[in-house]
Amino acid sequence: MKLIQKIDQWINRLEGGLLIFLLSIMVILAFLQVALRNLFSTGIPWGDILLRQIVLWLGFLGGTLATSQERHIHIDAFAHFMSPRVRAAVRIFTNLFGAVVCLLLFQAAVRFVQSEIEANTMIFKQIPVWYAEVIIPFGFGLHAIHFLIRSSLSASEALQKESAE
């Protein structure tokens, strides 16, 4: 389990660093756009397009980080009434279910990006749109990995508690 936890920490650091980088780019670019428009009645032609794509990337990466830290949306109204063993079993099941759903969405997203590559659609001038959309399958894949890691850590935790009893 130590190896899984180290992998999880490494992925989290990578996601966090990428989030900070993209958010910094987004703030700087948005500031430049506003300043250029207000002061010089101009702007960066591709700035708004890039900002929209960064929002998509930030959404997926923020979601994967939230999933990794178990801070995603979940309903735990009944968890307070469950025994620790049942609560661990439910957590294992829900994380596995989340992983399966994300893997199905990953497959659909890969097909979507493949269709965009075949269509040769451009986002701006000679930049293909799939460059920006590649985060969709990547994000769902990362979500699935985080759900699987959470499930295995929950199973390990449940087994440790069981053997301690």
Foldseek 3Di string as FASTA:
>chain_A
DVVLVVVLVVVLVVLVVVLVVLVVVLVVLVVQQVCCCVPPVDHDPCSVLVNVLSVVLNVLSVVLNCLLVVNDDDDCPCVVVDDLLVNLVVLLVVLQVLLVVLVVQLVVLVVVLVVQVVVCPASDDNHGPSVSSVSRSVSSNSSNSSSNSSNVVSVVVSVVVVVVD
